[in-house]
Amino acid sequence: MYQRIRNLREDRDMNQTKIAKVLGMSQTGYSKYETGENDIPTAILIKLADYYGVSVDYILERTNNPKINK
């Protein structure tokens, strides 16, 4: 999951500072999510999924299909 959020960020040419700002947190705090040092809270997972337009299951690597099932 940690590599996946990094890949999503990099695929959109964003740095950690920019995505941290979107999430309303520090770059250092966000960096700890990408390295796996801190678990990602559910609310942040949802914000990331909404921001990137993918499902939470995709971020959690429960599927390789990024589409949101409705």
Protein backbone atom coordinates (compact mmCIF):
# COMPACT_ATOMS: atom_id res chain seq x y z
CA MET A 1 0.00 0.00 0.00
CA TYR A 2 2.84 2.38 0.78
CA GLN A 3 4.43 2.00 -2.64
CA ARG A 4 1.03 2.41 -4.24
CA ILE A 5 0.39 5.83 -2.68
CA ARG A 6 3.87 6.89 -3.71
CA ASN A 7 3.24 5.72 -7.28
CA LEU A 8 -0.09 7.53 -7.42
CA ARG A 9 1.59 10.74 -6.27
CA GLU A 10 4.53 10.43 -8.65
CA ASP A 11 2.29 9.54 -11.60
CA ARG A 12 0.69 12.96 -11.13
CA ASP A 13 4.05 14.72 -10.86
CA MET A 14 3.38 15.81 -7.29
CA ASN A 15 5.87 16.03 -4.47
CA GLN A 16 5.17 15.08 -0.87
CA THR A 17 4.77 18.70 0.17
CA LYS A 18 1.95 19.27 -2.32
CA ILE A 19 -0.04 16.17 -1.39
CA ALA A 20 0.52 16.86 2.31
CA LYS A 21 -1.01 20.31 1.78
CA VAL A 22 -4.03 18.74 0.05
CA LEU A 23 -4.44 16.48 3.09
CA GLY A 24 -3.92 19.33 5.56
CA MET A 25 -0.82 17.89 7.16
CA SER A 26 2.95 18.27 7.23
CA GLN A 27 5.28 16.81 4.62
CA THR A 28 7.04 14.86 7.35
CA GLY A 29 3.77 13.29 8.50
CA TYR A 30 2.85 12.33 4.97
CA SER A 31 6.33 10.93 4.33
CA LYS A 32 5.83 8.50 7.21
CA TYR A 33 2.79 7.09 5.41
CA GLU A 34 4.79 6.44 2.24
CA THR A 35 7.60 4.72 4.13
CA GLY A 36 5.23 2.65 6.26
CA GLU A 37 6.55 4.18 9.47
CA ASN A 38 2.98 5.23 10.36
CA ASP A 39 -0.25 3.48 9.46
CA ILE A 40 -2.58 5.52 7.28
CA PRO A 41 -5.79 6.51 9.10
CA THR A 42 -9.07 5.64 7.41
CA ALA A 43 -9.96 9.30 6.90
CA ILE A 44 -6.67 9.90 5.05
CA LEU A 45 -7.18 6.76 2.93
CA ILE A 46 -10.57 8.08 1.88
CA LYS A 47 -9.14 11.53 1.08
CA LEU A 48 -6.36 9.98 -1.01
CA ALA A 49 -8.79 7.73 -2.88
CA ASP A 50 -11.10 10.68 -3.59
CA TYR A 51 -8.22 12.91 -4.64
CA TYR A 52 -6.74 10.35 -7.03
CA GLY A 53 -10.13 9.06 -8.22
CA VAL A 54 -9.40 5.46 -7.23
CA SER A 55 -10.96 3.03 -4.80
CA VAL A 56 -9.70 2.52 -1.27
CA ASP A 57 -9.35 -1.18 -2.19
CA TYR A 58 -6.90 -0.16 -4.90
CA ILE A 59 -4.78 1.81 -2.43
CA LEU A 60 -4.89 -1.10 0.01
CA GLU A 61 -3.80 -3.45 -2.81
CA ARG A 62 -6.91 -5.59 -2.48
CA THR A 63 -7.36 -5.14 -6.22
CA ASN A 64 -5.31 -4.00 -9.18
CA ASN A 65 -8.35 -2.30 -10.68
CA PRO A 66 -8.29 1.38 -9.69
CA LYS A 67 -11.93 1.96 -10.68
CA ILE A 68 -14.45 2.73 -7.99
CA ASN A 69 -17.29 0.19 -7.79
CA LYS A 70 -20.64 1.88 -7.47
